[in-house]
Amino acid sequence: MPVRENPSEVIVVIEDDPSISELLQLYLSREGYSVAAAGQGGSGVELVKTRRPTLVILDLMLPDQSGFDVLKAIRGFSPVPLIILTAKDAEQDKILGLELGADDYMTKPFSPGELVARARAVLRRAAPAAEGSAQVLGEVELLPDERKVRVEGAAVELTPKEFDLLRYLLVNRGLALSRERLLEEVWGYSFYGDARTVDVHVGQLRRKLGAWGRIIQTVWGLGYRVDPDAR
């Protein structure tokens, strides 16, 4: 596979297992990404600060501190797209990671090729939109070209996935949207029936929108809709 020249997209890998870290660096470098790796949480956070990556891949099991603490530290200063690596059956880890601001997750053992595909999908959805009109509902304003959201005039910091989900809900306001449709349209691939991914992100959106989180209504037994008459 040809490598793109002069890679401008930096991916930070925070993983203490050398074999996994080297494998990820190999596959991501083949895709033309510039890869920086750290084996500990503390050095990983510093790497994110200095390299200002376009994506972070974070293992939750690190030798010096919890991956959750690393995720919270990163979210304290950056909305960078982030994929967490978890144990195969650690369901609560996945949910907590999403609640703390992760955009996606992979379970170990995983296919490096699938992780690269996930990385491309996350980066594609995080890229600034070149088209589309502003979405305004009540005091919620979403500006797709600038990738910004304001509520009552104040900026609201959303992760790339939260932004995409809110945009899709606003564009389709009034429609009852199933969790499966939201997974397909916003995430771009199947989560193998894990609809809680959508629930977690909706919960985060409601919290960040404050009182205006009420515009996202639950459609029991199906999914969600945005109230087009919210005032």
C-alpha atoms as a PDB file:
ATOM      1  CA  MET A   1       0.000   0.000   0.000  1.00  0.00           C
ATOM      2  CA  PRO A   2       1.501   3.357  -0.968  1.00  0.00           C
ATOM      3  CA  VAL A   3       2.451   5.775   1.776  1.00  0.00           C
ATOM      4  CA  ARG A   4       1.341   9.363   1.503  1.00  0.00           C
ATOM      5  CA  GLU A   5       4.138  11.889   1.269  1.00  0.00           C
ATOM      6  CA  ASN A   6       4.830  14.384   4.045  1.00  0.00           C
ATOM      7  CA  PRO A   7       2.338  13.000   6.575  1.00  0.00           C
ATOM      8  CA  SER A   8       0.688  15.863   8.418  1.00  0.00           C
ATOM      9  CA  GLU A   9      -1.661  13.849  10.626  1.00  0.00           C
ATOM     10  CA  VAL A  10      -0.049  12.766  13.884  1.00  0.00           C
ATOM     11  CA  ILE A  11      -1.389   9.833  15.892  1.00  0.00           C
ATOM     12  CA  VAL A  12      -0.264   9.320  19.476  1.00  0.00           C
ATOM     13  CA  VAL A  13      -0.280   5.711  20.707  1.00  0.00           C
ATOM     14  CA  ILE A  14      -0.257   5.236  24.510  1.00  0.00           C
ATOM     15  CA  GLU A  15       0.376   1.529  25.023  1.00  0.00           C
ATOM     16  CA  ASP A  16       2.812  -0.210  27.392  1.00  0.00           C
ATOM     17  CA  ASP A  17       3.013  -3.518  25.486  1.00  0.00           C
ATOM     18  CA  PRO A  18       5.947  -3.042  23.065  1.00  0.00           C
ATOM     19  CA  SER A  19       4.690  -5.667  20.628  1.00  0.00           C
ATOM     20  CA  ILE A  20       1.257  -4.022  20.308  1.00  0.00           C
ATOM     21  CA  SER A  21       2.741  -0.532  20.153  1.00  0.00           C
ATOM     22  CA  GLU A  22       5.194  -1.503  17.409  1.00  0.00           C
ATOM     23  CA  LEU A  23       2.464  -3.273  15.449  1.00  0.00           C
ATOM     24  CA  LEU A  24       0.219  -0.199  15.578  1.00  0.00           C
ATOM     25  CA  GLN A  25       3.089   2.064  14.554  1.00  0.00           C
ATOM     26  CA  LEU A  26       3.834  -0.211  11.601  1.00  0.00           C
ATOM     27  CA  TYR A  27       0.261  -0.322  10.311  1.00  0.00           C
ATOM     28  CA  LEU A  28      -0.450   3.366  10.894  1.00  0.00           C
ATOM     29  CA  SER A  29       2.843   4.428   9.291  1.00  0.00           C
ATOM     30  CA  ARG A  30       1.951   2.393   6.216  1.00  0.00           C
ATOM     31  CA  GLU A  31      -1.189   4.522   5.959  1.00  0.00           C
ATOM     32  CA  GLY A  32       0.976   7.631   5.900  1.00  0.00           C
ATOM     33  CA  TYR A  33       0.390   8.813   9.461  1.00  0.00           C
ATOM     34  CA  SER A  34       3.168  10.165  11.651  1.00  0.00           C
ATOM     35  CA  VAL A  35       3.102   8.076  14.843  1.00  0.00           C
ATOM     36  CA  ALA A  36       4.424   9.025  18.287  1.00  0.00           C
ATOM     37  CA  ALA A  37       4.319   6.410  21.048  1.00  0.00           C
ATOM     38  CA  ALA A  38       4.444   6.445  24.839  1.00  0.00           C
ATOM     39  CA  GLY A  39       4.570   3.491  27.213  1.00  0.00           C
ATOM     40  CA  GLN A  40       3.151   5.259  30.253  1.00  0.00           C
ATOM     41  CA  GLY A  41       0.188   7.485  30.971  1.00  0.00           C
ATOM     42  CA  GLY A  42       2.124  10.491  32.226  1.00  0.00           C
ATOM     43  CA  SER A  43       4.449  10.633  29.252  1.00  0.00           C
ATOM     44  CA  GLY A  44       1.485  10.000  26.968  1.00  0.00           C
ATOM     45  CA  VAL A  45      -0.353  13.067  28.267  1.00  0.00           C
ATOM     46  CA  GLU A  46       2.770  15.188  27.741  1.00  0.00           C
ATOM     47  CA  LEU A  47       3.095  13.783  24.231  1.00  0.00           C
ATOM     48  CA  VAL A  48      -0.468  14.842  23.425  1.00  0.00           C
ATOM     49  CA  LYS A  49       0.288  18.328  24.727  1.00  0.00           C
ATOM     50  CA  THR A  50       3.488  18.752  22.705  1.00  0.00           C
ATOM     51  CA  ARG A  51       2.620  16.954  19.471  1.00  0.00           C
ATOM     52  CA  ARG A  52      -1.020  18.142  19.213  1.00  0.00           C
ATOM     53  CA  PRO A  53      -2.140  14.941  17.422  1.00  0.00           C
ATOM     54  CA  THR A  54      -5.196  14.450  15.250  1.00  0.00           C
ATOM     55  CA  LEU A  55      -5.954  11.145  17.007  1.00  0.00           C
ATOM     56  CA  VAL A  56      -5.011   9.315  20.218  1.00  0.00           C
ATOM     57  CA  ILE A  57      -5.089   5.544  20.718  1.00  0.00           C
ATOM     58  CA  LEU A  58      -5.117   4.798  24.445  1.00  0.00           C
ATOM     59  CA  ASP A  59      -4.756   1.501  26.290  1.00  0.00           C
ATOM     60  CA  LEU A  60      -6.711   1.489  29.546  1.00  0.00           C
ATOM     61  CA  MET A  61      -4.194  -0.778  31.328  1.00  0.00           C
ATOM     62  CA  LEU A  62      -1.032   1.239  31.917  1.00  0.00           C
ATOM     63  CA  PRO A  63       1.778   0.662  34.435  1.00  0.00           C
ATOM     64  CA  ASP A  64       1.848   4.094  36.091  1.00  0.00           C
ATOM     65  CA  GLN A  65      -1.809   5.118  36.202  1.00  0.00           C
ATOM     66  CA  SER A  66      -5.289   4.201  35.031  1.00  0.00           C
ATOM     67  CA  GLY A  67      -6.103   4.832  31.409  1.00  0.00           C
ATOM     68  CA  PHE A  68      -9.277   6.517  32.662  1.00  0.00           C
ATOM     69  CA  ASP A  69      -7.162   9.089  34.505  1.00  0.00           C
ATOM     70  CA  VAL A  70      -5.163   9.635  31.338  1.00  0.00           C
ATOM     71  CA  LEU A  71      -8.376  10.106  29.350  1.00  0.00           C
ATOM     72  CA  LYS A  72      -9.702  12.621  31.882  1.00  0.00           C
ATOM     73  CA  ALA A  73      -6.389  14.495  31.821  1.00  0.00           C
ATOM     74  CA  ILE A  74      -6.435  14.710  28.021  1.00  0.00           C
ATOM     75  CA  ARG A  75     -10.064  15.833  27.960  1.00  0.00           C
ATOM     76  CA  GLY A  76      -9.088  18.562  30.393  1.00  0.00           C
ATOM     77  CA  PHE A  77      -7.203  20.394  27.648  1.00  0.00           C
ATOM     78  CA  SER A  78      -8.062  18.806  24.301  1.00  0.00           C
ATOM     79  CA  PRO A  79     -11.102  17.479  22.362  1.00  0.00           C
ATOM     80  CA  VAL A  80      -8.787  15.357  20.170  1.00  0.00           C
ATOM     81  CA  PRO A  81     -10.517  12.236  18.779  1.00  0.00           C
ATOM     82  CA  LEU A  82      -9.604   9.233  20.934  1.00  0.00           C
ATOM     83  CA  ILE A  83      -9.936   5.453  20.632  1.00  0.00           C
ATOM     84  CA  ILE A  84      -9.561   3.304  23.758  1.00  0.00           C
ATOM     85  CA  LEU A  85      -8.233  -0.253  23.864  1.00  0.00           C
ATOM     86  CA  THR A  86      -9.962  -2.497  26.410  1.00  0.00           C
ATOM     87  CA  ALA A  87     -10.026  -6.095  27.592  1.00  0.00           C
ATOM     88  CA  LYS A  88     -12.347  -8.337  25.590  1.00  0.00           C
ATOM     89  CA  ASP A  89     -15.178  -8.594  28.105  1.00  0.00           C
ATOM     90  CA  ALA A  90     -14.712  -5.360  30.072  1.00  0.00           C
ATOM     91  CA  GLU A  91     -18.152  -3.968  29.228  1.00  0.00           C
ATOM     92  CA  GLN A  92     -18.126  -1.382  32.008  1.00  0.00           C
ATOM     93  CA  ASP A  93     -14.740  -0.123  30.848  1.00  0.00           C
ATOM     94  CA  LYS A  94     -16.172   0.567  27.411  1.00  0.00           C
ATOM     95  CA  ILE A  95     -19.155   2.448  28.824  1.00  0.00           C
ATOM     96  CA  LEU A  96     -17.049   4.477  31.264  1.00  0.00           C
ATOM     97  CA  GLY A  97     -14.556   5.300  28.523  1.00  0.00           C
ATOM     98  CA  LEU A  98     -17.321   6.640  26.300  1.00  0.00           C
ATOM     99  CA  GLU A  99     -18.788   8.624  29.177  1.00  0.00           C
ATOM    100  CA  LEU A 100     -15.387  10.228  29.792  1.00  0.00           C
ATOM    101  CA  GLY A 101     -15.155  11.354  26.192  1.00  0.00           C
ATOM    102  CA  ALA A 102     -13.695   8.520  24.109  1.00  0.00           C
ATOM    103  CA  ASP A 103     -14.976   8.445  20.524  1.00  0.00           C
ATOM    104  CA  ASP A 104     -14.621   4.719  19.909  1.00  0.00           C
ATOM    105  CA  TYR A 105     -13.188   1.543  21.415  1.00  0.00           C
ATOM    106  CA  MET A 106     -11.481  -1.676  20.356  1.00  0.00           C
ATOM    107  CA  THR A 107     -11.317  -4.856  22.392  1.00  0.00           C
ATOM    108  CA  LYS A 108      -8.173  -6.955  22.718  1.00  0.00           C
ATOM    109  CA  PRO A 109      -7.173  -9.016  20.880  1.00  0.00           C
ATOM    110  CA  PHE A 110      -7.959  -6.957  17.795  1.00  0.00           C
ATOM    111  CA  SER A 111      -7.137  -6.833  14.123  1.00  0.00           C
ATOM    112  CA  PRO A 112      -4.630  -4.045  13.342  1.00  0.00           C
ATOM    113  CA  GLY A 113      -6.348  -3.625   9.987  1.00  0.00           C
ATOM    114  CA  GLU A 114      -9.716  -3.044  11.649  1.00  0.00           C
ATOM    115  CA  LEU A 115      -8.191  -0.544  14.066  1.00  0.00           C
ATOM    116  CA  VAL A 116      -6.715   1.387  11.135  1.00  0.00           C
ATOM    117  CA  ALA A 117     -10.160   1.414   9.512  1.00  0.00           C
ATOM    118  CA  ARG A 118     -11.695   2.682  12.759  1.00  0.00           C
ATOM    119  CA  ALA A 119      -9.000   5.365  12.980  1.00  0.00           C
ATOM    120  CA  ARG A 120      -9.727   6.531   9.424  1.00  0.00           C
ATOM    121  CA  ALA A 121     -13.459   6.658  10.185  1.00  0.00           C
ATOM    122  CA  VAL A 122     -12.964   8.695  13.366  1.00  0.00           C
ATOM    123  CA  LEU A 123     -10.601  11.109  11.622  1.00  0.00           C
ATOM    124  CA  ARG A 124     -12.929  11.477   8.647  1.00  0.00           C
ATOM    125  CA  ARG A 125     -15.842  12.400  10.885  1.00  0.00           C
ATOM    126  CA  ALA A 126     -13.705  14.782  12.932  1.00  0.00           C
ATOM    127  CA  ALA A 127     -12.539  16.707   9.855  1.00  0.00           C
ATOM    128  CA  PRO A 128     -14.065  20.166   9.417  1.00  0.00           C
ATOM    129  CA  ALA A 129     -17.136  20.052   7.215  1.00  0.00           C
ATOM    130  CA  ALA A 130     -16.807  21.954   3.952  1.00  0.00           C
ATOM    131  CA  GLU A 131     -20.519  22.229   3.397  1.00  0.00           C
ATOM    132  CA  GLY A 132     -23.761  22.450   5.278  1.00  0.00           C
ATOM    133  CA  SER A 133     -25.744  25.213   6.838  1.00  0.00           C
ATOM    134  CA  ALA A 134     -25.928  26.209  10.469  1.00  0.00           C
ATOM    135  CA  GLN A 135     -28.468  24.348  12.581  1.00  0.00           C
ATOM    136  CA  VAL A 136     -30.365  26.497  15.073  1.00  0.00           C
ATOM    137  CA  LEU A 137     -33.024  25.304  17.474  1.00  0.00           C
ATOM    138  CA  GLY A 138     -34.065  27.526  20.332  1.00  0.00           C
ATOM    139  CA  GLU A 139     -30.831  28.700  21.944  1.00  0.00           C
ATOM    140  CA  VAL A 140     -28.770  25.839  20.470  1.00  0.00           C
ATOM    141  CA  GLU A 141     -26.643  26.817  17.479  1.00  0.00           C
ATOM    142  CA  LEU A 142     -24.450  24.376  15.566  1.00  0.00           C
ATOM    143  CA  LEU A 143     -21.982  25.711  12.980  1.00  0.00           C
ATOM    144  CA  PRO A 144     -20.754  22.829  10.777  1.00  0.00           C
ATOM    145  CA  ASP A 145     -18.101  24.781   8.891  1.00  0.00           C
ATOM    146  CA  GLU A 146     -16.456  25.858  12.134  1.00  0.00           C
ATOM    147  CA  ARG A 147     -17.260  22.670  14.059  1.00  0.00           C
ATOM    148  CA  LYS A 148     -18.628  24.813  16.891  1.00  0.00           C
ATOM    149  CA  VAL A 149     -21.688  24.638  19.104  1.00  0.00           C
ATOM    150  CA  ARG A 150     -23.094  27.490  21.166  1.00  0.00           C
ATOM    151  CA  VAL A 151     -25.864  27.364  23.757  1.00  0.00           C
ATOM    152  CA  GLU A 152     -27.364  30.697  24.772  1.00  0.00           C
ATOM    153  CA  GLY A 153     -24.377  32.316  23.093  1.00  0.00           C
ATOM    154  CA  ALA A 154     -21.748  30.408  25.101  1.00  0.00           C
ATOM    155  CA  ALA A 155     -19.396  27.924  23.428  1.00  0.00           C
ATOM    156  CA  VAL A 156     -19.917  24.260  24.332  1.00  0.00           C
ATOM    157  CA  GLU A 157     -16.980  21.868  23.988  1.00  0.00           C
ATOM    158  CA  LEU A 158     -18.039  18.614  22.313  1.00  0.00           C
ATOM    159  CA  THR A 159     -15.999  15.638  21.228  1.00  0.00           C
ATOM    160  CA  PRO A 160     -16.043  14.976  17.455  1.00  0.00           C
ATOM    161  CA  LYS A 161     -18.523  12.133  17.877  1.00  0.00           C
ATOM    162  CA  GLU A 162     -20.822  14.183  20.088  1.00  0.00           C
ATOM    163  CA  PHE A 163     -20.748  16.966  17.490  1.00  0.00           C
ATOM    164  CA  ASP A 164     -21.610  14.574  14.665  1.00  0.00           C
ATOM    165  CA  LEU A 165     -24.429  13.015  16.657  1.00  0.00           C
ATOM    166  CA  LEU A 166     -25.930  16.388  17.560  1.00  0.00           C
ATOM    167  CA  ARG A 167     -25.675  17.544  13.965  1.00  0.00           C
ATOM    168  CA  TYR A 168     -27.423  14.438  12.652  1.00  0.00           C
ATOM    169  CA  LEU A 169     -30.194  14.784  15.230  1.00  0.00           C
ATOM    170  CA  LEU A 170     -30.712  18.466  14.392  1.00  0.00           C
ATOM    171  CA  VAL A 171     -30.704  17.898  10.634  1.00  0.00           C
ATOM    172  CA  ASN A 172     -33.347  15.212  11.133  1.00  0.00           C
ATOM    173  CA  ARG A 173     -35.320  17.054  13.817  1.00  0.00           C
ATOM    174  CA  GLY A 174     -38.816  15.753  14.334  1.00  0.00           C
ATOM    175  CA  LEU A 175     -37.954  12.255  13.100  1.00  0.00           C
ATOM    176  CA  ALA A 176     -37.830   9.264  15.421  1.00  0.00           C
ATOM    177  CA  LEU A 177     -34.373   7.796  14.827  1.00  0.00           C
ATOM    178  CA  SER A 178     -33.516   4.276  15.913  1.00  0.00           C
ATOM    179  CA  ARG A 179     -30.279   3.550  17.721  1.00  0.00           C
ATOM    180  CA  GLU A 180     -29.280   1.282  14.852  1.00  0.00           C
ATOM    181  CA  ARG A 181     -29.761   4.081  12.328  1.00  0.00           C
ATOM    182  CA  LEU A 182     -27.759   6.481  14.470  1.00  0.00           C
ATOM    183  CA  LEU A 183     -24.944   3.947  14.754  1.00  0.00           C
ATOM    184  CA  GLU A 184     -24.879   3.462  11.003  1.00  0.00           C
ATOM    185  CA  GLU A 185     -25.137   7.131  10.039  1.00  0.00           C
ATOM    186  CA  VAL A 186     -22.959   8.705  12.729  1.00  0.00           C
ATOM    187  CA  TRP A 187     -20.423   5.992  13.487  1.00  0.00           C
ATOM    188  CA  GLY A 188     -20.441   4.583   9.980  1.00  0.00           C
ATOM    189  CA  TYR A 189     -20.267   0.923  10.911  1.00  0.00           C
ATOM    190  CA  SER A 190     -22.018  -1.615  13.084  1.00  0.00           C
ATOM    191  CA  PHE A 191     -21.334  -1.894  16.808  1.00  0.00           C
ATOM    192  CA  TYR A 192     -22.755  -5.418  16.645  1.00  0.00           C
ATOM    193  CA  GLY A 193     -25.916  -4.426  18.472  1.00  0.00           C
ATOM    194  CA  ASP A 194     -24.240  -2.389  21.217  1.00  0.00           C
ATOM    195  CA  ALA A 195     -26.877   0.344  21.244  1.00  0.00           C
ATOM    196  CA  ARG A 196     -25.657   1.605  24.609  1.00  0.00           C
ATOM    197  CA  THR A 197     -22.952   3.463  22.716  1.00  0.00           C
ATOM    198  CA  VAL A 198     -25.671   5.797  21.439  1.00  0.00           C
ATOM    199  CA  ASP A 199     -27.262   6.075  24.884  1.00  0.00           C
ATOM    200  CA  VAL A 200     -23.958   7.082  26.455  1.00  0.00           C
ATOM    201  CA  HIS A 201     -23.308   9.789  23.869  1.00  0.00           C
ATOM    202  CA  VAL A 202     -26.864  11.137  24.115  1.00  0.00           C
ATOM    203  CA  GLY A 203     -26.451  11.326  27.883  1.00  0.00           C
ATOM    204  CA  GLN A 204     -23.227  13.286  27.456  1.00  0.00           C
ATOM    205  CA  LEU A 205     -24.876  15.629  24.957  1.00  0.00           C
ATOM    206  CA  ARG A 206     -27.792  16.329  27.260  1.00  0.00           C
ATOM    207  CA  ARG A 207     -25.443  17.116  30.116  1.00  0.00           C
ATOM    208  CA  LYS A 208     -23.301  19.476  28.035  1.00  0.00           C
ATOM    209  CA  LEU A 209     -26.305  21.278  26.554  1.00  0.00           C
ATOM    210  CA  GLY A 210     -27.577  21.987  30.062  1.00  0.00           C
ATOM    211  CA  ALA A 211     -31.231  23.009  30.215  1.00  0.00           C
ATOM    212  CA  TRP A 212     -31.394  22.733  26.427  1.00  0.00           C
ATOM    213  CA  GLY A 213     -30.576  19.039  26.631  1.00  0.00           C
ATOM    214  CA  ARG A 214     -34.358  18.619  26.769  1.00  0.00           C
ATOM    215  CA  ILE A 215     -34.523  19.073  22.985  1.00  0.00           C
ATOM    216  CA  ILE A 216     -33.294  15.460  22.668  1.00  0.00           C
ATOM    217  CA  GLN A 217     -36.280  13.294  23.500  1.00  0.00           C
ATOM    218  CA  THR A 218     -36.265   9.560  24.153  1.00  0.00           C
ATOM    219  CA  VAL A 219     -38.505   7.492  21.898  1.00  0.00           C
ATOM    220  CA  TRP A 220     -39.101   4.496  24.088  1.00  0.00           C
ATOM    221  CA  GLY A 221     -38.302   1.165  22.477  1.00  0.00           C
ATOM    222  CA  LEU A 222     -36.680   2.828  19.460  1.00  0.00           C
ATOM    223  CA  GLY A 223     -34.188   5.632  19.970  1.00  0.00           C
ATOM    224  CA  TYR A 224     -34.288   9.422  19.973  1.00  0.00           C
ATOM    225  CA  ARG A 225     -35.743  12.480  18.298  1.00  0.00           C
ATOM    226  CA  VAL A 226     -35.118  16.206  18.511  1.00  0.00           C
ATOM    227  CA  ASP A 227     -38.200  18.252  19.333  1.00  0.00           C
ATOM    228  CA  PRO A 228     -38.560  20.657  16.388  1.00  0.00           C
ATOM    229  CA  ASP A 229     -40.777  22.977  18.437  1.00  0.00           C
ATOM    230  CA  ALA A 230     -38.420  23.364  21.417  1.00  0.00           C
ATOM    231  CA  ARG A 231     -38.317  26.920  22.727  1.00  0.00           C
END
